[in-house]
Amino acid sequence: MSGYYSVVHDPEARLGHELPLDREPHLRLAALALTWTPKSVPSAADTALTLLELTGHARVLRDELAGRAARLPAGCELRQRLACTLGEAERRLSAAASSPYGDLAHAQSRARLVQVLYAALDRLEAEHHVRGSCSHTRPGTRADEDRRPDKG
């Protein structure tokens, strides 16, 4: 593969996770979208493109976070917190989750979601830095209880 990456619209996630997360450009785009006001909003086409880009990236982030969270032990408190974040992301990314206030509010909602999902990934990396362990296990559970092979 060449030394550059392009933005791809993949709402059904058919391409998998072969592309890098491109964190900085998406966080800059999210920060920019959050500065817009009804008086300073760009053209409708630019707003729609920003909304599309942030939505696609939020889906990639959600999937990445879900995959990493699934590898945590079932009794891990961090896994439970991430499940809440993922549930909220799923709700906000649902097809019916458009804003009644228009594309500006919708783009800003997606921008905040991208920021929240990156914060969750950062928390996961910071708190779960030791391979296969979790320091936030709920009382009464074993740290390895989710390590059994699936049946079926």
N, C-alpha and C. Protein backbone atom coordinates (compact mmCIF):
# COMPACT_ATOMS: atom_id res chain seq x y z
N MET A 1 0.84 -1.17 0.00
CA MET A 1 0.00 0.00 0.00
C MET A 1 0.88 1.24 0.00
N SER A 2 0.43 2.29 -0.64
CA SER A 2 1.21 3.51 -0.71
C SER A 2 1.27 4.20 0.66
N GLY A 3 1.98 5.28 0.75
CA GLY A 3 2.20 5.96 2.01
C GLY A 3 1.13 6.96 2.38
N TYR A 4 -0.04 6.93 1.75
CA TYR A 4 -1.10 7.85 2.12
C TYR A 4 -2.41 7.09 2.29
N TYR A 5 -3.36 7.75 2.93
CA TYR A 5 -4.66 7.14 3.16
C TYR A 5 -5.73 8.10 2.69
N SER A 6 -6.84 7.56 2.25
CA SER A 6 -7.94 8.41 1.83
C SER A 6 -9.16 8.14 2.70
N VAL A 7 -10.05 9.09 2.72
CA VAL A 7 -11.27 8.98 3.49
C VAL A 7 -12.26 8.13 2.71
N VAL A 8 -12.87 7.18 3.37
CA VAL A 8 -13.80 6.27 2.72
C VAL A 8 -15.13 6.29 3.47
N HIS A 9 -16.21 6.41 2.73
CA HIS A 9 -17.54 6.31 3.33
C HIS A 9 -17.92 4.83 3.31
N ASP A 10 -18.05 4.22 4.49
CA ASP A 10 -18.32 2.80 4.61
C ASP A 10 -19.36 2.57 5.70
N PRO A 11 -20.62 2.99 5.47
CA PRO A 11 -21.61 2.91 6.55
C PRO A 11 -21.92 1.49 7.01
N GLU A 12 -21.72 0.50 6.17
CA GLU A 12 -21.99 -0.88 6.57
C GLU A 12 -20.75 -1.57 7.13
N ALA A 13 -19.65 -0.87 7.24
CA ALA A 13 -18.39 -1.39 7.80
C ALA A 13 -17.92 -2.63 7.06
N ARG A 14 -18.00 -2.60 5.77
CA ARG A 14 -17.57 -3.75 4.97
C ARG A 14 -16.06 -3.82 4.78
N LEU A 15 -15.39 -2.71 4.97
CA LEU A 15 -13.96 -2.68 4.73
C LEU A 15 -13.14 -3.15 5.92
N GLY A 16 -13.76 -3.32 7.05
CA GLY A 16 -13.03 -3.76 8.23
C GLY A 16 -12.22 -2.63 8.82
N HIS A 17 -11.16 -2.96 9.51
CA HIS A 17 -10.36 -1.97 10.21
C HIS A 17 -8.95 -1.92 9.67
N GLU A 18 -8.82 -1.90 8.35
CA GLU A 18 -7.49 -1.86 7.77
C GLU A 18 -6.94 -0.45 7.71
N LEU A 19 -7.80 0.54 7.75
CA LEU A 19 -7.35 1.92 7.71
C LEU A 19 -6.99 2.40 9.11
N PRO A 20 -6.00 3.27 9.22
CA PRO A 20 -5.67 3.82 10.55
C PRO A 20 -6.80 4.74 11.01
N LEU A 21 -6.84 5.00 12.30
CA LEU A 21 -7.91 5.83 12.85
C LEU A 21 -7.78 7.31 12.47
N ASP A 22 -6.64 7.78 12.05
CA ASP A 22 -6.46 9.18 11.67
C ASP A 22 -7.02 10.12 12.73
N ARG A 23 -6.54 9.96 13.92
CA ARG A 23 -7.05 10.66 15.08
C ARG A 23 -7.00 12.18 14.95
N GLU A 24 -5.84 12.73 14.69
CA GLU A 24 -5.67 14.19 14.70
C GLU A 24 -6.57 14.91 13.69
N PRO A 25 -6.63 14.49 12.44
CA PRO A 25 -7.50 15.22 11.51
C PRO A 25 -8.97 15.18 11.93
N HIS A 26 -9.40 14.05 12.48
CA HIS A 26 -10.80 13.94 12.88
C HIS A 26 -11.09 14.74 14.15
N LEU A 27 -10.15 14.78 15.06
CA LEU A 27 -10.35 15.61 16.24
C LEU A 27 -10.33 17.09 15.88
N ARG A 28 -9.50 17.47 14.92
CA ARG A 28 -9.50 18.86 14.46
C ARG A 28 -10.81 19.20 13.77
N LEU A 29 -11.32 18.28 12.95
CA LEU A 29 -12.60 18.50 12.28
C LEU A 29 -13.72 18.61 13.31
N ALA A 30 -13.69 17.76 14.33
CA ALA A 30 -14.71 17.82 15.38
C ALA A 30 -14.63 19.15 16.12
N ALA A 31 -13.42 19.57 16.46
CA ALA A 31 -13.25 20.84 17.17
C ALA A 31 -13.73 22.01 16.31
N LEU A 32 -13.45 21.96 15.02
CA LEU A 32 -13.91 23.01 14.12
C LEU A 32 -15.43 23.05 14.06
N ALA A 33 -16.06 21.89 13.92
CA ALA A 33 -17.52 21.84 13.85
C ALA A 33 -18.16 22.40 15.12
N LEU A 34 -17.50 22.20 16.24
CA LEU A 34 -18.05 22.70 17.51
C LEU A 34 -17.93 24.22 17.64
N THR A 35 -17.12 24.85 16.80
CA THR A 35 -17.01 26.31 16.85
C THR A 35 -18.07 26.99 15.99
N TRP A 36 -18.72 26.24 15.12
CA TRP A 36 -19.71 26.83 14.22
C TRP A 36 -20.92 27.34 15.00
N THR A 37 -21.44 28.44 14.54
CA THR A 37 -22.69 28.99 15.06
C THR A 37 -23.64 29.13 13.87
N PRO A 38 -24.92 29.36 14.11
CA PRO A 38 -25.82 29.56 12.98
C PRO A 38 -25.37 30.67 12.04
N LYS A 39 -24.62 31.65 12.56
CA LYS A 39 -24.13 32.75 11.71
C LYS A 39 -22.83 32.41 11.00
N SER A 40 -22.08 31.43 11.52
CA SER A 40 -20.77 31.12 10.93
C SER A 40 -20.72 29.73 10.30
N VAL A 41 -21.85 29.07 10.17
CA VAL A 41 -21.87 27.74 9.60
C VAL A 41 -21.45 27.79 8.13
N PRO A 42 -20.65 26.81 7.68
CA PRO A 42 -20.26 26.80 6.27
C PRO A 42 -21.44 26.44 5.38
N SER A 43 -21.19 26.30 4.12
CA SER A 43 -22.25 25.97 3.17
C SER A 43 -22.92 24.65 3.55
N ALA A 44 -24.13 24.47 3.06
CA ALA A 44 -24.88 23.24 3.36
C ALA A 44 -24.10 22.01 2.90
N ALA A 45 -23.43 22.11 1.76
CA ALA A 45 -22.66 20.97 1.24
C ALA A 45 -21.49 20.64 2.17
N ASP A 46 -20.80 21.67 2.66
CA ASP A 46 -19.67 21.44 3.57
C ASP A 46 -20.14 20.88 4.91
N THR A 47 -21.26 21.39 5.39
CA THR A 47 -21.81 20.88 6.64
C THR A 47 -22.21 19.42 6.48
N ALA A 48 -22.85 19.10 5.38
CA ALA A 48 -23.28 17.72 5.12
C ALA A 48 -22.07 16.80 4.98
N LEU A 49 -21.03 17.27 4.32
CA LEU A 49 -19.81 16.46 4.18
C LEU A 49 -19.14 16.24 5.52
N THR A 50 -19.10 17.27 6.35
CA THR A 50 -18.55 17.14 7.70
C THR A 50 -19.35 16.14 8.50
N LEU A 51 -20.66 16.23 8.42
CA LEU A 51 -21.54 15.29 9.12
C LEU A 51 -21.28 13.86 8.65
N LEU A 52 -21.15 13.67 7.36
CA LEU A 52 -20.88 12.34 6.81
C LEU A 52 -19.53 11.80 7.29
N GLU A 53 -18.52 12.65 7.27
CA GLU A 53 -17.17 12.23 7.69
C GLU A 53 -17.14 11.87 9.17
N LEU A 54 -17.74 12.71 9.99
CA LEU A 54 -17.73 12.45 11.43
C LEU A 54 -18.57 11.23 11.78
N THR A 55 -19.66 11.01 11.07
CA THR A 55 -20.49 9.83 11.31
C THR A 55 -19.72 8.56 10.96
N GLY A 56 -19.09 8.55 9.80
CA GLY A 56 -18.30 7.38 9.41
C GLY A 56 -17.18 7.10 10.38
N HIS A 57 -16.50 8.14 10.83
CA HIS A 57 -15.39 7.94 11.76
C HIS A 57 -15.90 7.49 13.13
N ALA A 58 -17.02 8.02 13.55
CA ALA A 58 -17.59 7.59 14.83
C ALA A 58 -17.94 6.10 14.78
N ARG A 59 -18.42 5.62 13.64
CA ARG A 59 -18.73 4.19 13.51
C ARG A 59 -17.47 3.33 13.60
N VAL A 60 -16.41 3.79 12.97
CA VAL A 60 -15.14 3.06 13.06
C VAL A 60 -14.64 3.05 14.50
N LEU A 61 -14.72 4.19 15.17
CA LEU A 61 -14.29 4.27 16.57
C LEU A 61 -15.14 3.37 17.46
N ARG A 62 -16.46 3.38 17.24
CA ARG A 62 -17.35 2.54 18.03
C ARG A 62 -16.97 1.07 17.87
N ASP A 63 -16.72 0.65 16.65
CA ASP A 63 -16.36 -0.75 16.39
C ASP A 63 -15.01 -1.11 17.02
N GLU A 64 -14.06 -0.19 16.93
CA GLU A 64 -12.74 -0.43 17.52
C GLU A 64 -12.86 -0.54 19.04
N LEU A 65 -13.60 0.36 19.63
CA LEU A 65 -13.80 0.35 21.08
C LEU A 65 -14.54 -0.91 21.51
N ALA A 66 -15.54 -1.32 20.76
CA ALA A 66 -16.30 -2.54 21.10
C ALA A 66 -15.40 -3.76 21.04
N GLY A 67 -14.54 -3.83 20.03
CA GLY A 67 -13.63 -4.96 19.93
C GLY A 67 -12.65 -5.03 21.08
N ARG A 68 -12.12 -3.90 21.47
CA ARG A 68 -11.18 -3.88 22.59
C ARG A 68 -11.88 -4.16 23.91
N ALA A 69 -13.07 -3.60 24.09
CA ALA A 69 -13.83 -3.83 25.33
C ALA A 69 -14.21 -5.30 25.47
N ALA A 70 -14.52 -5.95 24.37
CA ALA A 70 -14.91 -7.35 24.41
C ALA A 70 -13.78 -8.25 24.89
N ARG A 71 -12.56 -7.80 24.76
CA ARG A 71 -11.41 -8.60 25.20
C ARG A 71 -11.12 -8.43 26.70
N LEU A 72 -11.79 -7.48 27.34
CA LEU A 72 -11.61 -7.30 28.79
C LEU A 72 -12.38 -8.39 29.53
N PRO A 73 -11.95 -8.75 30.73
CA PRO A 73 -12.68 -9.74 31.53
C PRO A 73 -14.10 -9.25 31.84
N ALA A 74 -15.03 -10.17 31.95
CA ALA A 74 -16.44 -9.83 32.19
C ALA A 74 -16.62 -9.05 33.48
N GLY A 75 -15.83 -9.31 34.50
CA GLY A 75 -15.98 -8.64 35.78
C GLY A 75 -15.28 -7.30 35.86
N CYS A 76 -14.70 -6.86 34.80
CA CYS A 76 -13.93 -5.61 34.79
C CYS A 76 -14.87 -4.41 34.80
N GLU A 77 -14.69 -3.55 35.78
CA GLU A 77 -15.52 -2.34 35.87
C GLU A 77 -15.35 -1.45 34.64
N LEU A 78 -14.14 -1.39 34.10
CA LEU A 78 -13.89 -0.60 32.91
C LEU A 78 -14.74 -1.11 31.75
N ARG A 79 -14.85 -2.43 31.63
CA ARG A 79 -15.68 -3.00 30.56
C ARG A 79 -17.13 -2.55 30.71
N GLN A 80 -17.62 -2.49 31.93
CA GLN A 80 -19.00 -2.06 32.17
C GLN A 80 -19.18 -0.59 31.80
N ARG A 81 -18.20 0.25 32.15
CA ARG A 81 -18.28 1.67 31.78
C ARG A 81 -18.23 1.84 30.27
N LEU A 82 -17.38 1.05 29.62
CA LEU A 82 -17.29 1.13 28.16
C LEU A 82 -18.59 0.66 27.51
N ALA A 83 -19.25 -0.31 28.11
CA ALA A 83 -20.53 -0.77 27.58
C ALA A 83 -21.55 0.36 27.60
N CYS A 84 -21.53 1.18 28.62
CA CYS A 84 -22.43 2.34 28.67
C CYS A 84 -22.10 3.33 27.56
N THR A 85 -20.82 3.60 27.37
CA THR A 85 -20.39 4.51 26.30
C THR A 85 -20.80 3.96 24.95
N LEU A 86 -20.60 2.66 24.75
CA LEU A 86 -20.96 2.04 23.47
C LEU A 86 -22.46 2.06 23.24
N GLY A 87 -23.23 1.86 24.29
CA GLY A 87 -24.68 1.93 24.16
C GLY A 87 -25.15 3.31 23.74
N GLU A 88 -24.56 4.32 24.34
CA GLU A 88 -24.90 5.70 23.97
C GLU A 88 -24.47 5.99 22.53
N ALA A 89 -23.29 5.51 22.14
CA ALA A 89 -22.83 5.70 20.77
C ALA A 89 -23.78 5.03 19.79
N GLU A 90 -24.21 3.83 20.11
CA GLU A 90 -25.13 3.11 19.24
C GLU A 90 -26.44 3.87 19.09
N ARG A 91 -26.94 4.40 20.19
CA ARG A 91 -28.19 5.17 20.14
C ARG A 91 -28.03 6.40 19.27
N ARG A 92 -26.91 7.10 19.45
CA ARG A 92 -26.70 8.33 18.69
C ARG A 92 -26.38 8.09 17.22
N LEU A 93 -25.87 6.90 16.90
CA LEU A 93 -25.55 6.58 15.50
C LEU A 93 -26.70 5.89 14.77
N SER A 94 -27.77 5.63 15.47
CA SER A 94 -28.89 4.94 14.82
C SER A 94 -29.44 5.80 13.69
N ALA A 95 -30.09 5.15 12.76
CA ALA A 95 -30.60 5.85 11.58
C ALA A 95 -31.57 6.97 11.94
N ALA A 96 -32.32 6.79 13.02
CA ALA A 96 -33.31 7.79 13.41
C ALA A 96 -32.70 8.91 14.25
N ALA A 97 -31.41 8.88 14.46
CA ALA A 97 -30.78 9.85 15.37
C ALA A 97 -30.36 11.12 14.65
N SER A 98 -31.18 11.66 13.79
CA SER A 98 -30.87 12.94 13.19
C SER A 98 -31.39 14.04 14.10
N SER A 99 -30.86 15.21 13.91
CA SER A 99 -31.25 16.31 14.78
C SER A 99 -32.44 17.06 14.19
N PRO A 100 -33.45 17.34 15.02
CA PRO A 100 -34.57 18.14 14.53
C PRO A 100 -34.16 19.59 14.30
N TYR A 101 -32.95 19.95 14.72
CA TYR A 101 -32.47 21.32 14.58
C TYR A 101 -31.61 21.51 13.34
N GLY A 102 -31.47 20.48 12.52
CA GLY A 102 -30.74 20.61 11.26
C GLY A 102 -29.35 20.02 11.28
N ASP A 103 -28.69 20.17 10.12
CA ASP A 103 -27.37 19.58 9.94
C ASP A 103 -26.31 20.17 10.87
N LEU A 104 -26.40 21.44 11.20
CA LEU A 104 -25.41 22.04 12.10
C LEU A 104 -25.43 21.33 13.45
N ALA A 105 -26.59 21.20 14.06
CA ALA A 105 -26.69 20.53 15.36
C ALA A 105 -26.30 19.06 15.24
N HIS A 106 -26.68 18.44 14.13
CA HIS A 106 -26.35 17.03 13.92
C HIS A 106 -24.83 16.86 13.80
N ALA A 107 -24.17 17.74 13.03
CA ALA A 107 -22.71 17.66 12.88
C ALA A 107 -22.02 17.90 14.22
N GLN A 108 -22.54 18.83 15.01
CA GLN A 108 -21.93 19.09 16.31
C GLN A 108 -22.15 17.93 17.27
N SER A 109 -23.29 17.26 17.17
CA SER A 109 -23.53 16.07 17.98
C SER A 109 -22.54 14.97 17.62
N ARG A 110 -22.30 14.79 16.33
CA ARG A 110 -21.32 13.79 15.88
C ARG A 110 -19.92 14.17 16.33
N ALA A 111 -19.61 15.46 16.31
CA ALA A 111 -18.29 15.92 16.75
C ALA A 111 -18.08 15.57 18.22
N ARG A 112 -19.09 15.82 19.04
CA ARG A 112 -18.97 15.48 20.47
C ARG A 112 -18.84 13.97 20.65
N LEU A 113 -19.55 13.21 19.84
CA LEU A 113 -19.47 11.74 19.93
C LEU A 113 -18.06 11.26 19.59
N VAL A 114 -17.46 11.80 18.55
CA VAL A 114 -16.09 11.43 18.19
C VAL A 114 -15.15 11.74 19.36
N GLN A 115 -15.31 12.89 19.99
CA GLN A 115 -14.47 13.24 21.12
C GLN A 115 -14.67 12.28 22.29
N VAL A 116 -15.91 11.91 22.57
CA VAL A 116 -16.21 10.98 23.67
C VAL A 116 -15.61 9.61 23.39
N LEU A 117 -15.73 9.14 22.15
CA LEU A 117 -15.20 7.81 21.81
C LEU A 117 -13.68 7.79 21.89
N TYR A 118 -13.02 8.86 21.47
CA TYR A 118 -11.56 8.92 21.62
C TYR A 118 -11.17 8.98 23.09
N ALA A 119 -11.94 9.70 23.90
CA ALA A 119 -11.66 9.74 25.33
C ALA A 119 -11.81 8.35 25.95
N ALA A 120 -12.80 7.59 25.50
CA ALA A 120 -12.99 6.23 26.01
C ALA A 120 -11.83 5.34 25.58
N LEU A 121 -11.37 5.48 24.35
CA LEU A 121 -10.20 4.70 23.91
C LEU A 121 -8.97 5.07 24.73
N ASP A 122 -8.79 6.35 25.01
CA ASP A 122 -7.66 6.78 25.83
C ASP A 122 -7.75 6.19 27.24
N ARG A 123 -8.95 6.21 27.80
CA ARG A 123 -9.15 5.65 29.15
C ARG A 123 -8.85 4.15 29.14
N LEU A 124 -9.29 3.46 28.10
CA LEU A 124 -9.02 2.03 27.99
C LEU A 124 -7.52 1.77 27.92
N GLU A 125 -6.83 2.53 27.10
CA GLU A 125 -5.39 2.33 26.97
C GLU A 125 -4.64 2.69 28.26
N ALA A 126 -5.09 3.73 28.94
CA ALA A 126 -4.42 4.15 30.17
C ALA A 126 -4.68 3.19 31.33
N GLU A 127 -5.92 2.72 31.46
CA GLU A 127 -6.28 1.88 32.60
C GLU A 127 -6.02 0.40 32.37
N HIS A 128 -5.91 0.00 31.15
CA HIS A 128 -5.72 -1.42 30.85
C HIS A 128 -4.41 -1.62 30.08
N HIS A 129 -3.35 -1.11 30.64
CA HIS A 129 -2.06 -1.17 29.96
C HIS A 129 -1.34 -2.50 30.14
N VAL A 130 -1.72 -3.29 31.12
CA VAL A 130 -1.08 -4.59 31.33
C VAL A 130 -1.89 -5.64 30.58
N ARG A 131 -1.25 -6.35 29.69
CA ARG A 131 -1.93 -7.34 28.85
C ARG A 131 -2.66 -8.38 29.69
N GLY A 132 -3.95 -8.52 29.41
CA GLY A 132 -4.75 -9.58 30.03
C GLY A 132 -5.14 -9.35 31.46
N SER A 133 -4.92 -8.17 32.00
CA SER A 133 -5.33 -7.93 33.37
C SER A 133 -6.24 -6.72 33.45
N CYS A 134 -6.96 -6.64 34.52
CA CYS A 134 -7.83 -5.49 34.73
C CYS A 134 -7.80 -5.17 36.21
N SER A 135 -7.45 -3.95 36.53
CA SER A 135 -7.35 -3.56 37.93
C SER A 135 -8.68 -3.08 38.48
N HIS A 136 -9.73 -3.11 37.69
CA HIS A 136 -11.04 -2.60 38.11
C HIS A 136 -12.06 -3.73 38.09
N THR A 137 -11.78 -4.81 38.77
CA THR A 137 -12.67 -5.96 38.80
C THR A 137 -13.70 -5.78 39.90
N ARG A 138 -14.96 -6.06 39.59
CA ARG A 138 -16.02 -5.98 40.60
C ARG A 138 -15.82 -7.05 41.64
N PRO A 139 -16.18 -6.77 42.88
CA PRO A 139 -16.07 -7.78 43.94
C PRO A 139 -16.91 -9.01 43.61
N GLY A 140 -16.38 -10.18 43.91
CA GLY A 140 -17.11 -11.43 43.69
C GLY A 140 -16.96 -12.00 42.30
N THR A 141 -16.13 -11.40 41.44
CA THR A 141 -15.92 -11.96 40.11
C THR A 141 -14.45 -12.27 39.94
N ARG A 142 -14.17 -13.22 39.06
CA ARG A 142 -12.78 -13.58 38.77
C ARG A 142 -12.33 -12.80 37.55
N ALA A 143 -11.09 -12.40 37.53
CA ALA A 143 -10.56 -11.62 36.41
C ALA A 143 -10.51 -12.44 35.13
N ASP A 144 -10.48 -13.77 35.24
CA ASP A 144 -10.36 -14.61 34.04
C ASP A 144 -11.68 -15.22 33.60
N GLU A 145 -12.79 -14.83 34.18
CA GLU A 145 -14.04 -15.53 33.89
C GLU A 145 -14.52 -15.36 32.46
N ASP A 146 -14.03 -14.35 31.76
CA ASP A 146 -14.44 -14.16 30.38
C ASP A 146 -13.44 -14.76 29.40
N ARG A 147 -12.47 -15.46 29.88
CA ARG A 147 -11.41 -16.00 29.03
C ARG A 147 -11.73 -17.41 28.52
N ARG A 148 -12.87 -17.97 28.91
CA ARG A 148 -13.23 -19.32 28.46
C ARG A 148 -13.60 -19.29 26.99
N PRO A 149 -13.26 -20.36 26.24
CA PRO A 149 -13.65 -20.39 24.83
C PRO A 149 -15.17 -20.46 24.69
N ASP A 150 -15.65 -19.82 23.63
CA ASP A 150 -17.08 -19.86 23.35
C ASP A 150 -17.51 -21.25 22.92
N LYS A 151 -18.69 -21.63 23.35
CA LYS A 151 -19.24 -22.91 22.89
C LYS A 151 -20.21 -22.63 21.77
N GLY A 152 -20.07 -23.39 20.69
CA GLY A 152 -21.03 -23.22 19.59
C GLY A 152 -20.42 -22.80 18.39
